[in-house]
Amino acid sequence: MPIVAQSSTETDWVSRFADDVIAESERRAPGKPVVVASGLSPSGPIHLGNLREVMTPHLVADEIRRRGHEVRHLISWDDYDRYRKVPAGVDGVDDTWAEHIGKPLTSVPAPAGSPHPNWAEHFKAAMVESLAELGVEYDPVSQTEQYTSGAYREQILHAMKNRARIDGILDQYRTKAKVQAKKQQQKPLDEAELEAAEGSGAASEDDGGGGKAGYFPYKPYCGNCEKDLTTVTEYIDATTELTYSCTACGFSETVRLSEFNRGKLVWKVDWPMRWAYEGVIFEPSGVDHSSPGSSFVVGGQIVRDVFDGVQPIGPMYAFVGISGMAKMSSSRGGVPTPADALKIMEAPLLRWLYARRKPNQSFKIAFDQEIQRLYDEWDKLESKVADGSVLPADAAAYARAARTAAGELPRTPRPLPYRTLASVVDITAGHDEQTLRILSELDPANPLSSLDEARPRLDRAENWITTQVPADARTVVRSEPDAELLGSLDDEARESLRLLLEGLDTHWSLDGLTTLVYGVPKVMAGLEPDAKPTPELKVAQRSFFALLYRLLVSRETGPRLPTLLLAVGSDRVRKLLAA
């Protein structure tokens, strides 16, 4: 179906930002490509919270492309950042990786068994693959390559020359932060808070601090042990000679900073330097950047007063959670990544979760049963788009999810209900022949001829069942009738089973069996099969459903009964229910 990204700027947050970014770009850099930016640190698994750092500017950049403007979405891989800690729960990593703390991420070995050359490349790889599947077009920028090639040499020398001015700016915010903390009677940042502040500049080390020789906004990596546990002891502006010593190994040396490429600006100076260097117009940041002395707040003044640049426009984005899980941290293992999400949901659905919420609205991504409701909601939205009853903002979010300016994302030819697919693969344990038989019987007038028609959604549903549903919650159909239960049934229960079995052949489709299982209790109550349910009738239906589940799967609940009956098959149903 053709998808047009038409939207009202009164209802669509992406269009509003695109308007602002285009106008700002024309004011600052007329005739040049619009530049939006994201930053990702491959310090560990790059999780679904980090994905918002990419999806927010991506959606805006894509809208700008749809309007015919040239735009560059820069993704800076902060792979020259220091290795801060050994993340928990990462396969192939043990306590020996602690010896690398303080080195650049690209100098840390990859987890054991990884095909990648270093830590950063290992964690970048999965994200690169996920971004391709999500249709995100971007220009990658490796900060290791930028710093070690000398690309920022002039900016580094300029920052060192203006270190007193930078220190003065930072000192204003250090004081404000202390006053604010005192007013709120805050305690010092604990480990978790420092971790959340990684990359945000909230930790004191991110502004460079000051030693006996004064403040320096530059941190060398040691020429002997490669760690950044170094202190600049002298710097001569005229010659750019810099002397440092390493507290980790005792090494010291004097180098010419005009020729030296083994170090980087501290974060609170590095980020605004890049804004000016790259001409960034739009870049969002996390809500942790709104605190006093945060890197975004401080950076706004540093980029203006030191680098003669302008701070990007962009929203603070709220956190993304997972059903049943607290806020995510990239330096802790075991948090779901985009790759994990794309194993159980199609790319358009994942895009939609980010597109339909304003950046300042938090939301959760479902890995539990809630994913079935999300898919129902998505399918309902798609139906409204098809019949023209969709609201403008919903149409815009759908269009941004289903396609990019480059074209439509891959879609499932026959998008059968996700919950139905999940139930079928649960019951059949993924057996292709059985699965095809059941799915082809869902709609006898238009039977499925190949499982490929139901893919990739079918594969996502199967992955969800096998990876996210506990073994004790899986559906196991009885192999033999429950003789004890059948023998204990009263005449009314036996009659209800007889009516069900009698109607199987004439109702053997998803819709038909739905009518049948809901209709039997109505007939037993002396009503017509299409009678409207009453509270008493609903109680009778629930009792009848529970009996069927006990006889078929030895539980009180299970997959939707019409789907379960189709999956079990007519002959086996008759065997298990024959009273």
Protein backbone atom coordinates (compact mmCIF):
# COMPACT_ATOMS: atom_id res chain seq x y z
CA MET A 1 0.00 0.00 0.00
CA PRO A 2 1.38 3.48 -0.77
CA ILE A 3 2.44 5.40 2.30
CA VAL A 4 2.65 9.18 2.32
CA ALA A 5 4.20 11.03 5.24
CA GLN A 6 1.70 13.83 5.31
CA SER A 7 1.16 15.31 8.74
CA SER A 8 0.06 18.37 10.58
CA THR A 9 2.76 20.34 12.34
CA GLU A 10 0.21 20.88 15.09
CA THR A 11 0.11 17.17 15.90
CA ASP A 12 3.38 15.67 14.66
CA TRP A 13 6.51 16.32 16.73
CA VAL A 14 8.84 15.20 13.92
CA SER A 15 7.47 17.78 11.47
CA ARG A 16 7.74 20.54 14.05
CA PHE A 17 11.40 19.80 14.69
CA ALA A 18 12.09 19.47 10.96
CA ASP A 19 10.63 22.96 10.43
CA ASP A 20 12.88 24.38 13.16
CA VAL A 21 16.00 22.55 11.98
CA ILE A 22 15.60 23.61 8.34
CA ALA A 23 15.08 27.24 9.36
CA GLU A 24 18.04 27.17 11.74
CA SER A 25 20.30 25.53 9.14
CA GLU A 26 19.40 28.16 6.56
CA ARG A 27 20.22 30.86 9.09
CA ARG A 28 23.55 29.39 10.21
CA ALA A 29 24.83 27.64 7.07
CA PRO A 30 22.80 28.60 4.00
CA GLY A 31 23.33 26.32 1.01
CA LYS A 32 25.03 23.60 3.04
CA PRO A 33 23.67 20.19 4.02
CA VAL A 34 21.68 20.10 7.24
CA VAL A 35 23.72 18.36 9.95
CA VAL A 36 22.11 16.34 12.74
CA ALA A 37 24.09 14.22 15.16
CA SER A 38 24.03 11.31 17.58
CA GLY A 39 26.69 9.88 19.84
CA LEU A 40 27.06 6.25 20.91
CA SER A 41 29.62 4.76 23.26
CA PRO A 42 30.49 1.10 22.55
CA SER A 43 31.52 0.62 26.19
CA GLY A 44 29.23 -2.40 26.42
CA PRO A 45 25.99 -3.64 24.88
CA ILE A 46 24.29 -0.70 23.14
CA HIS A 47 20.77 -0.98 24.49
CA LEU A 48 17.29 0.17 23.49
CA GLY A 49 17.63 3.31 25.59
CA ASN A 50 20.68 4.31 23.53
CA LEU A 51 18.62 3.73 20.39
CA ARG A 52 16.54 6.83 21.21
CA GLU A 53 19.74 8.87 20.82
CA VAL A 54 19.74 7.69 17.20
CA MET A 55 16.06 7.40 16.34
CA THR A 56 15.15 10.95 17.40
CA PRO A 57 17.54 12.68 14.95
CA HIS A 58 17.00 9.94 12.37
CA LEU A 59 13.27 10.60 12.20
CA VAL A 60 13.86 14.35 11.89
CA ALA A 61 16.59 13.86 9.28
CA ASP A 62 14.36 11.52 7.31
CA GLU A 63 11.55 14.08 7.28
CA ILE A 64 14.01 16.69 6.01
CA ARG A 65 15.08 14.30 3.22
CA ARG A 66 11.44 13.71 2.27
CA ARG A 67 11.16 17.46 1.74
CA GLY A 68 14.03 17.40 -0.72
CA HIS A 69 16.82 18.83 1.44
CA GLU A 70 20.31 17.37 1.69
CA VAL A 71 20.99 16.19 5.23
CA ARG A 72 23.80 14.38 7.04
CA HIS A 73 23.10 12.32 10.12
CA LEU A 74 26.42 11.92 11.90
CA ILE A 75 26.75 9.08 14.37
CA SER A 76 29.88 9.61 16.44
CA TRP A 77 31.21 6.37 17.81
CA ASP A 78 32.82 7.42 21.07
CA ASP A 79 35.30 4.57 20.74
CA TYR A 80 38.21 6.67 22.01
CA ASP A 81 36.57 7.03 25.43
CA ARG A 82 38.22 5.35 28.38
CA TYR A 83 37.24 1.84 29.42
CA ARG A 84 35.57 2.57 32.76
CA LYS A 85 34.60 -0.79 34.21
CA VAL A 86 34.09 -4.46 33.41
CA PRO A 87 30.39 -4.87 32.61
CA ALA A 88 28.56 -7.74 34.23
CA GLY A 89 26.89 -10.48 32.25
CA VAL A 90 28.96 -10.23 29.05
CA ASP A 91 29.94 -13.59 27.59
CA GLY A 92 33.67 -14.11 27.13
CA VAL A 93 34.64 -11.49 29.74
CA ASP A 94 36.05 -12.14 33.21
CA ASP A 95 37.77 -10.16 35.95
CA THR A 96 41.05 -10.06 34.01
CA TRP A 97 39.55 -7.34 31.80
CA ALA A 98 39.90 -5.00 34.78
CA GLU A 99 43.58 -4.60 33.88
CA HIS A 100 42.48 -2.60 30.83
CA ILE A 101 40.51 0.03 32.74
CA GLY A 102 41.69 3.47 31.63
CA LYS A 103 42.61 2.47 28.06
CA PRO A 104 40.74 3.66 24.97
CA LEU A 105 37.91 1.30 24.08
CA THR A 106 39.67 0.50 20.80
CA SER A 107 42.74 -0.68 22.76
CA VAL A 108 40.81 -3.14 24.92
CA PRO A 109 40.63 -6.76 23.69
CA ALA A 110 37.27 -7.96 22.46
CA PRO A 111 35.45 -10.57 24.56
CA ALA A 112 36.91 -14.06 24.16
CA GLY A 113 35.72 -15.76 20.98
CA SER A 114 34.73 -12.51 19.25
CA PRO A 115 35.74 -12.14 15.59
CA HIS A 116 36.28 -8.40 16.09
CA PRO A 117 39.67 -6.75 16.66
CA ASN A 118 38.81 -4.87 19.87
CA TRP A 119 36.17 -4.11 22.49
CA ALA A 120 34.65 -1.14 20.65
CA GLU A 121 34.30 -2.93 17.32
CA HIS A 122 32.71 -5.91 19.03
CA PHE A 123 29.88 -3.83 20.50
CA LYS A 124 29.55 -1.58 17.46
CA ALA A 125 28.95 -4.54 15.14
CA ALA A 126 25.53 -5.56 16.48
CA MET A 127 24.33 -1.96 16.46
CA VAL A 128 25.53 -1.39 12.89
CA GLU A 129 23.55 -4.44 11.77
CA SER A 130 20.45 -3.29 13.67
CA LEU A 131 20.60 0.22 12.23
CA ALA A 132 20.72 -1.23 8.73
CA GLU A 133 17.64 -3.36 9.44
CA LEU A 134 15.86 -0.31 10.85
CA GLY A 135 16.58 1.71 7.71
CA VAL A 136 18.72 4.33 9.48
CA GLU A 137 20.90 6.23 7.01
CA TYR A 138 23.94 7.85 8.63
CA ASP A 139 27.57 8.87 8.31
CA PRO A 140 29.73 7.04 10.89
CA VAL A 141 32.49 8.98 12.65
CA SER A 142 35.07 7.07 14.70
CA GLN A 143 36.51 9.29 17.42
CA THR A 144 39.55 7.03 17.57
CA GLU A 145 40.23 7.80 13.92
CA GLN A 146 39.54 11.50 14.38
CA TYR A 147 41.88 11.92 17.33
CA THR A 148 44.69 9.60 16.21
CA SER A 149 44.75 11.10 12.70
CA GLY A 150 45.21 14.61 14.07
CA ALA A 151 41.87 15.83 12.67
CA TYR A 152 41.22 17.84 15.84
CA ARG A 153 44.77 19.14 16.31
CA GLU A 154 43.92 22.81 15.82
CA GLN A 155 40.93 22.51 18.13
CA ILE A 156 43.04 20.83 20.83
CA LEU A 157 45.74 23.50 20.65
CA HIS A 158 43.05 26.19 20.75
CA ALA A 159 41.47 24.62 23.84
CA MET A 160 44.82 24.38 25.59
CA LYS A 161 45.57 28.01 24.77
CA ASN A 162 42.19 28.99 26.23
CA ARG A 163 42.35 26.63 29.22
CA ALA A 164 41.97 29.44 31.75
CA ARG A 165 38.77 30.62 30.07
CA ILE A 166 37.43 27.05 29.97
CA ASP A 167 38.33 26.53 33.61
CA GLY A 168 36.53 29.74 34.52
CA ILE A 169 33.36 28.61 32.75
CA LEU A 170 33.49 25.20 34.36
CA ASP A 171 34.09 26.75 37.75
CA GLN A 172 30.87 28.72 37.49
CA TYR A 173 28.94 25.50 37.04
CA ARG A 174 30.93 23.61 39.66
CA THR A 175 29.86 26.28 42.12
CA LYS A 176 26.24 26.20 40.93
CA ALA A 177 26.15 22.43 41.23
CA LYS A 178 27.52 22.56 44.78
CA VAL A 179 25.00 25.21 45.79
CA GLN A 180 22.15 23.27 44.20
CA ALA A 181 23.25 20.07 45.90
CA LYS A 182 23.46 21.81 49.24
CA LYS A 183 20.00 23.30 48.81
CA GLN A 184 18.57 19.89 48.06
CA GLN A 185 20.78 18.25 50.74
CA GLN A 186 22.04 15.86 48.13
CA LYS A 187 24.64 13.23 48.84
CA PRO A 188 27.66 12.76 46.56
CA LEU A 189 26.97 10.70 43.44
CA ASP A 190 27.03 7.00 44.18
CA GLU A 191 28.37 4.39 41.77
CA ALA A 192 25.05 3.94 39.97
CA GLU A 193 24.64 7.70 39.50
CA LEU A 194 28.17 8.05 38.21
CA GLU A 195 27.44 5.25 35.79
CA ALA A 196 24.27 6.97 34.59
CA ALA A 197 26.35 10.10 34.09
CA GLU A 198 28.85 8.35 31.83
CA GLY A 199 29.29 10.55 28.80
CA SER A 200 27.15 13.28 30.33
CA GLY A 201 29.98 14.99 32.14
CA ALA A 202 28.39 14.76 35.57
CA ALA A 203 31.45 12.96 36.93
CA SER A 204 34.24 15.38 37.87
CA GLU A 205 36.82 13.59 35.74
CA ASP A 206 34.89 14.63 32.64
CA ASP A 207 35.81 18.30 32.98
CA GLY A 208 39.51 17.71 33.43
CA GLY A 209 39.91 18.87 37.00
CA GLY A 210 43.06 20.71 38.05
CA GLY A 211 46.42 19.58 39.41
CA LYS A 212 49.37 21.50 40.85
CA ALA A 213 50.28 22.78 37.39
CA GLY A 214 46.77 24.16 36.86
CA TYR A 215 43.80 23.17 34.77
CA PHE A 216 44.21 21.36 31.44
CA PRO A 217 41.28 20.28 29.22
CA TYR A 218 43.36 17.55 27.55
CA LYS A 219 44.09 14.03 28.79
CA PRO A 220 47.01 12.07 27.23
CA TYR A 221 46.88 8.30 27.01
CA CYS A 222 50.12 6.93 28.49
CA GLY A 223 52.82 6.02 25.98
CA ASN A 224 53.72 2.97 28.04
CA CYS A 225 50.52 1.41 29.48
CA GLU A 226 48.00 3.23 27.21
CA LYS A 227 45.87 4.30 30.18
CA ASP A 228 44.52 7.79 30.81
CA LEU A 229 45.59 7.81 34.47
CA THR A 230 47.89 10.66 33.58
CA THR A 231 48.53 14.15 34.91
CA VAL A 232 49.77 17.04 32.81
CA THR A 233 52.59 18.62 34.80
CA GLU A 234 53.64 21.34 32.34
CA TYR A 235 52.55 22.88 29.07
CA ILE A 236 54.31 25.60 27.07
CA ASP A 237 52.02 27.43 24.67
CA ALA A 238 54.81 28.80 22.46
CA THR A 239 56.32 25.40 21.70
CA THR A 240 53.24 23.20 22.49
CA GLU A 241 55.56 21.07 24.64
CA LEU A 242 53.50 19.02 27.06
CA THR A 243 54.88 16.97 29.94
CA TYR A 244 52.80 14.36 31.69
CA SER A 245 53.27 11.52 34.14
CA CYS A 246 51.27 8.33 34.56
CA THR A 247 50.08 7.30 38.02
CA ALA A 248 49.40 3.76 36.81
CA CYS A 249 52.90 2.77 35.67
CA GLY A 250 55.11 5.74 36.61
CA PHE A 251 55.98 6.55 33.00
CA SER A 252 56.50 10.20 32.03
CA GLU A 253 57.51 12.01 28.86
CA THR A 254 57.54 15.36 27.13
CA VAL A 255 55.88 15.61 23.70
CA ARG A 256 54.93 18.31 21.23
CA LEU A 257 51.17 18.54 21.27
CA SER A 258 51.29 19.92 17.72
CA GLU A 259 52.57 16.49 16.66
CA PHE A 260 51.05 14.24 19.35
CA ASN A 261 47.91 12.20 18.58
CA ARG A 262 47.51 9.96 21.63
CA GLY A 263 45.00 11.68 23.87
CA LYS A 264 41.71 13.53 23.81
CA LEU A 265 39.89 16.53 25.13
CA VAL A 266 37.91 15.91 28.31
CA TRP A 267 34.23 15.26 27.62
CA LYS A 268 32.82 18.63 28.65
CA VAL A 269 35.16 20.29 26.15
CA ASP A 270 35.18 17.54 23.55
CA TRP A 271 31.42 17.67 22.90
CA PRO A 272 31.12 21.43 22.25
CA MET A 273 34.32 21.30 20.17
CA ARG A 274 32.62 18.75 17.91
CA TRP A 275 29.46 20.87 17.62
CA ALA A 276 31.56 23.67 16.18
CA TYR A 277 33.83 21.41 14.11
CA GLU A 278 30.94 19.54 12.47
CA GLY A 279 28.45 22.39 12.32
CA VAL A 280 25.76 20.41 14.13
CA ILE A 281 22.30 21.97 13.91
CA PHE A 282 20.27 19.34 15.76
CA GLU A 283 21.27 16.87 18.46
CA PRO A 284 19.06 15.52 21.26
CA SER A 285 20.39 14.58 24.67
CA GLY A 286 19.21 12.56 27.65
CA VAL A 287 17.31 14.07 30.55
CA ASP A 288 20.41 13.66 32.74
CA HIS A 289 21.93 16.54 30.76
CA SER A 290 19.48 19.02 32.27
CA SER A 291 21.16 18.97 35.69
CA PRO A 292 23.36 21.88 36.87
CA GLY A 293 26.84 21.56 35.44
CA SER A 294 25.86 18.87 32.94
CA SER A 295 27.84 18.62 29.74
CA PHE A 296 25.01 19.95 27.53
CA VAL A 297 24.43 23.00 29.71
CA VAL A 298 28.15 23.77 30.12
CA GLY A 299 28.82 22.94 26.50
CA GLY A 300 26.45 25.65 25.34
CA GLN A 301 28.67 28.31 26.88
CA ILE A 302 31.97 26.68 25.93
CA VAL A 303 31.02 26.30 22.25
CA ARG A 304 30.06 29.98 22.13
CA ASP A 305 32.83 31.56 24.22
CA VAL A 306 35.73 29.28 23.26
CA PHE A 307 35.05 27.72 19.85
CA ASP A 308 33.01 30.56 18.33
CA GLY A 309 30.20 28.12 17.53
CA VAL A 310 26.53 27.67 18.31
CA GLN A 311 24.91 25.00 20.45
CA PRO A 312 22.63 22.62 18.51
CA ILE A 313 18.90 22.76 19.02
CA GLY A 314 17.33 19.56 20.21
CA PRO A 315 15.08 18.09 22.88
CA MET A 316 15.93 16.29 26.08
CA TYR A 317 14.69 12.77 25.57
CA ALA A 318 13.18 10.61 28.29
CA PHE A 319 14.33 7.14 29.20
CA VAL A 320 13.17 3.94 27.51
CA GLY A 321 12.31 1.01 29.73
CA ILE A 322 11.58 -2.67 29.32
CA SER A 323 8.47 -4.31 30.78
CA GLY A 324 9.44 -5.40 34.27
CA MET A 325 12.94 -3.87 34.12
CA ALA A 326 14.41 -0.69 35.64
CA LYS A 327 16.19 2.03 33.67
CA MET A 328 18.90 0.61 31.42
CA SER A 329 22.64 1.21 31.68
CA SER A 330 25.05 0.52 28.83
CA SER A 331 27.91 -0.43 31.14
CA ARG A 332 25.89 -3.19 32.77
CA GLY A 333 25.39 -6.47 30.95
CA GLY A 334 22.09 -8.23 30.41
CA VAL A 335 20.10 -5.29 29.05
CA PRO A 336 18.06 -5.78 25.85
CA THR A 337 19.61 -4.35 22.71
CA PRO A 338 18.03 -3.36 19.38
CA ALA A 339 19.24 -6.70 18.03
CA ASP A 340 17.33 -8.48 20.80
CA ALA A 341 14.16 -6.52 20.00
CA LEU A 342 14.47 -7.18 16.27
CA LYS A 343 14.52 -10.92 16.95
CA ILE A 344 10.95 -10.75 18.29
CA MET A 345 9.44 -7.80 16.41
CA GLU A 346 9.62 -6.46 12.88
CA ALA A 347 11.60 -3.29 12.20
CA PRO A 348 8.52 -1.10 11.42
CA LEU A 349 6.97 -1.93 14.80
CA LEU A 350 10.16 -1.02 16.66
CA ARG A 351 10.45 2.23 14.67
CA TRP A 352 6.83 3.01 15.49
CA LEU A 353 7.46 2.79 19.24
CA TYR A 354 9.99 5.63 18.92
CA ALA A 355 8.04 7.63 16.33
CA ARG A 356 4.68 7.78 18.08
CA ARG A 357 5.98 9.24 21.35
CA LYS A 358 7.39 12.74 21.75
CA PRO A 359 11.03 12.65 22.85
CA ASN A 360 10.16 13.91 26.33
CA GLN A 361 7.72 11.04 26.85
CA SER A 362 9.10 7.85 28.36
CA PHE A 363 7.82 4.49 27.18
CA LYS A 364 8.47 0.79 27.60
CA ILE A 365 9.30 -1.88 25.05
CA ALA A 366 7.56 -5.17 25.66
CA PHE A 367 9.41 -8.47 25.80
CA ASP A 368 6.54 -10.10 27.71
CA GLN A 369 2.91 -10.85 26.78
CA GLU A 370 2.39 -7.13 26.14
CA ILE A 371 4.04 -7.56 22.74
CA GLN A 372 0.87 -9.30 21.53
CA ARG A 373 -1.23 -6.27 22.44
CA LEU A 374 1.28 -3.96 20.73
CA TYR A 375 1.00 -5.98 17.52
CA ASP A 376 -2.81 -5.89 17.76
CA GLU A 377 -2.58 -2.11 18.09
CA TRP A 378 -0.22 -1.89 15.12
CA ASP A 379 -2.49 -4.05 12.93
CA LYS A 380 -5.50 -1.94 13.90
CA LEU A 381 -3.57 1.21 12.96
CA GLU A 382 -2.65 -0.32 9.61
CA SER A 383 -6.34 -1.08 8.94
CA LYS A 384 -7.26 2.53 9.71
CA VAL A 385 -4.56 3.76 7.34
CA ALA A 386 -5.97 1.48 4.63
CA ASP A 387 -9.57 2.66 5.04
CA GLY A 388 -8.71 6.33 5.55
CA SER A 389 -10.10 6.63 9.08
CA VAL A 390 -6.72 7.26 10.72
CA LEU A 391 -5.98 10.51 12.58
CA PRO A 392 -3.23 12.75 11.08
CA ALA A 393 -0.69 12.27 13.88
CA ASP A 394 -1.20 8.49 13.85
CA ALA A 395 -0.86 8.44 10.06
CA ALA A 396 2.42 10.33 10.31
CA ALA A 397 3.81 7.97 12.96
CA TYR A 398 2.79 4.97 10.85
CA ALA A 399 4.37 6.40 7.71
CA ARG A 400 7.64 7.11 9.52
CA ALA A 401 7.64 3.56 10.89
CA ALA A 402 6.79 1.74 7.67
CA ARG A 403 9.14 3.54 5.33
CA THR A 404 11.98 6.04 5.06
CA ALA A 405 12.72 8.62 2.40
CA ALA A 406 14.64 5.87 0.60
CA GLY A 407 11.67 3.52 0.38
CA GLU A 408 9.43 1.09 2.20
CA LEU A 409 10.89 -1.29 4.76
CA PRO A 410 10.44 -5.04 4.20
CA ARG A 411 7.00 -6.21 5.29
CA THR A 412 5.16 -9.47 5.85
CA PRO A 413 2.97 -10.25 2.78
CA ARG A 414 0.22 -11.85 4.91
CA PRO A 415 0.44 -10.18 8.34
CA LEU A 416 -1.53 -12.72 10.38
CA PRO A 417 -2.18 -11.77 14.03
CA TYR A 418 1.02 -12.05 16.06
CA ARG A 419 -0.78 -13.72 18.97
CA THR A 420 -2.16 -16.36 16.58
CA LEU A 421 1.27 -17.06 15.12
CA ALA A 422 2.77 -17.28 18.60
CA SER A 423 0.11 -19.73 19.71
CA VAL A 424 0.58 -21.91 16.64
CA VAL A 425 4.37 -22.16 16.89
CA ASP A 426 4.01 -22.75 20.62
CA ILE A 427 1.72 -25.72 20.04
CA THR A 428 3.61 -27.15 17.05
CA ALA A 429 7.07 -26.43 18.50
CA GLY A 430 7.89 -24.76 15.18
CA HIS A 431 7.18 -27.82 13.00
CA ASP A 432 6.85 -26.27 9.53
CA GLU A 433 4.41 -28.80 8.03
CA GLN A 434 2.08 -28.64 11.00
CA THR A 435 2.35 -24.86 11.16
CA LEU A 436 1.45 -24.49 7.48
CA ARG A 437 -1.52 -26.85 7.91
CA ILE A 438 -2.92 -24.80 10.77
CA LEU A 439 -2.29 -21.39 9.21
CA SER A 440 -3.83 -22.48 5.92
CA GLU A 441 -7.02 -23.40 7.82
CA LEU A 442 -7.37 -19.99 9.45
CA ASP A 443 -9.15 -18.65 6.37
CA PRO A 444 -10.28 -21.54 4.14
CA ALA A 445 -11.51 -19.10 1.46
CA ASN A 446 -8.01 -17.64 1.14
CA PRO A 447 -5.60 -20.29 2.44
CA LEU A 448 -1.93 -19.64 3.06
CA SER A 449 0.09 -21.46 0.41
CA SER A 450 3.56 -21.01 1.89
CA LEU A 451 5.02 -20.04 5.26
CA ASP A 452 7.04 -17.39 3.43
CA GLU A 453 3.81 -15.40 3.09
CA ALA A 454 3.71 -15.10 6.89
CA ARG A 455 7.39 -14.20 7.26
CA PRO A 456 9.21 -12.40 8.80
CA ARG A 457 6.40 -11.98 11.38
CA LEU A 458 6.14 -15.74 11.85
CA ASP A 459 9.86 -15.99 12.61
CA ARG A 460 9.62 -13.14 15.12
CA ALA A 461 6.71 -14.83 16.90
CA GLU A 462 8.61 -18.11 17.02
CA ASN A 463 11.67 -16.36 18.46
CA TRP A 464 9.49 -14.74 21.10
CA ILE A 465 8.02 -18.08 22.13
CA THR A 466 11.40 -19.83 22.29
CA THR A 467 13.42 -17.06 23.97
CA GLN A 468 10.98 -15.06 26.11
CA VAL A 469 8.26 -17.47 27.27
CA PRO A 470 9.31 -19.63 30.25
CA ALA A 471 9.32 -23.37 29.64
CA ASP A 472 6.62 -23.95 32.27
CA ALA A 473 4.35 -21.49 30.43
CA ARG A 474 4.65 -23.29 27.08
CA THR A 475 1.65 -25.20 25.73
CA VAL A 476 1.83 -29.00 25.74
CA VAL A 477 -1.18 -30.80 24.25
CA ARG A 478 -2.20 -34.00 26.02
CA SER A 479 -1.30 -37.22 24.24
CA GLU A 480 -4.14 -39.20 25.86
CA PRO A 481 -7.61 -38.23 27.12
CA ASP A 482 -7.97 -37.27 30.78
CA ALA A 483 -10.15 -40.30 31.62
CA GLU A 484 -10.58 -39.28 35.26
CA LEU A 485 -11.83 -35.80 34.43
CA LEU A 486 -14.06 -37.04 31.61
CA GLY A 487 -15.55 -39.66 33.91
CA SER A 488 -16.39 -37.04 36.54
CA LEU A 489 -18.39 -34.75 34.23
CA ASP A 490 -22.07 -34.16 34.80
CA ASP A 491 -24.68 -34.39 32.05
CA GLU A 492 -24.56 -30.64 31.31
CA ALA A 493 -20.80 -30.67 30.76
CA ARG A 494 -21.06 -33.79 28.58
CA GLU A 495 -23.75 -32.15 26.48
CA SER A 496 -21.64 -29.01 25.97
CA LEU A 497 -18.75 -31.17 24.70
CA ARG A 498 -21.14 -33.05 22.40
CA LEU A 499 -22.38 -29.77 20.90
CA LEU A 500 -18.80 -28.60 20.33
CA LEU A 501 -17.74 -31.83 18.63
CA GLU A 502 -20.90 -31.89 16.54
CA GLY A 503 -20.13 -28.44 15.17
CA LEU A 504 -16.42 -28.90 14.40
CA ASP A 505 -16.74 -29.88 10.74
CA THR A 506 -19.07 -27.01 9.80
CA HIS A 507 -17.07 -24.41 11.79
CA TRP A 508 -13.50 -25.46 10.92
CA SER A 509 -11.91 -22.02 10.46
CA LEU A 510 -10.65 -19.39 12.87
CA ASP A 511 -13.84 -17.32 12.64
CA GLY A 512 -16.06 -20.39 12.62
CA LEU A 513 -14.49 -21.93 15.70
CA THR A 514 -14.68 -18.58 17.47
CA THR A 515 -18.43 -18.55 16.85
CA LEU A 516 -18.69 -22.18 17.97
CA VAL A 517 -16.80 -22.01 21.29
CA TYR A 518 -18.63 -18.84 22.33
CA GLY A 519 -21.95 -20.18 21.05
CA VAL A 520 -22.07 -23.54 22.88
CA PRO A 521 -22.72 -21.97 26.34
CA LYS A 522 -25.41 -19.79 24.75
CA VAL A 523 -27.22 -22.80 23.29
CA MET A 524 -26.87 -24.60 26.62
CA ALA A 525 -28.63 -21.62 28.22
CA GLY A 526 -31.48 -21.85 25.72
CA LEU A 527 -30.32 -18.85 23.70
CA GLU A 528 -29.50 -18.37 20.04
CA PRO A 529 -25.77 -18.75 19.10
CA ASP A 530 -25.58 -15.04 18.19
CA ALA A 531 -27.27 -13.81 21.40
CA LYS A 532 -25.59 -10.93 23.19
CA PRO A 533 -23.68 -12.06 26.28
CA THR A 534 -25.02 -11.38 29.75
CA PRO A 535 -22.98 -11.40 32.99
CA GLU A 536 -24.37 -14.86 33.77
CA LEU A 537 -23.52 -16.08 30.28
CA LYS A 538 -19.95 -14.81 30.57
CA VAL A 539 -19.52 -16.86 33.73
CA ALA A 540 -20.77 -19.95 31.90
CA GLN A 541 -18.41 -19.26 28.98
CA ARG A 542 -15.40 -18.95 31.27
CA SER A 543 -16.33 -22.23 32.96
CA PHE A 544 -16.68 -23.97 29.58
CA PHE A 545 -13.35 -22.56 28.36
CA ALA A 546 -11.58 -23.74 31.52
CA LEU A 547 -12.95 -27.25 30.99
CA LEU A 548 -11.65 -27.32 27.40
CA TYR A 549 -8.19 -26.13 28.48
CA ARG A 550 -8.02 -28.80 31.21
CA LEU A 551 -8.98 -31.53 28.75
CA LEU A 552 -6.64 -30.33 25.98
CA VAL A 553 -3.55 -28.94 27.78
CA SER A 554 -4.07 -29.82 31.48
CA ARG A 555 -4.21 -26.15 32.51
CA GLU A 556 -6.93 -23.62 33.26
CA THR A 557 -5.73 -21.24 30.53
CA GLY A 558 -3.76 -21.30 27.30
CA PRO A 559 -3.72 -19.94 23.75
CA ARG A 560 -7.00 -18.65 22.33
CA LEU A 561 -9.27 -21.65 22.02
CA PRO A 562 -10.08 -21.29 18.29
CA THR A 563 -6.36 -21.25 17.52
CA LEU A 564 -5.71 -24.12 19.91
CA LEU A 565 -8.43 -26.27 18.33
CA LEU A 566 -7.06 -25.63 14.84
CA ALA A 567 -3.57 -26.48 16.01
CA VAL A 568 -4.59 -29.70 17.73
CA GLY A 569 -6.54 -30.84 14.68
CA SER A 570 -10.07 -32.20 14.36
CA ASP A 571 -9.25 -35.88 14.89
CA ARG A 572 -7.14 -35.28 18.00
CA VAL A 573 -9.72 -32.88 19.45
CA ARG A 574 -12.38 -35.58 19.09
CA LYS A 575 -10.11 -38.10 20.79
CA LEU A 576 -9.35 -35.82 23.76
CA LEU A 577 -12.88 -34.51 24.26
CA ALA A 578 -14.93 -37.67 23.65
CA ALA A 579 -16.82 -38.15 26.92
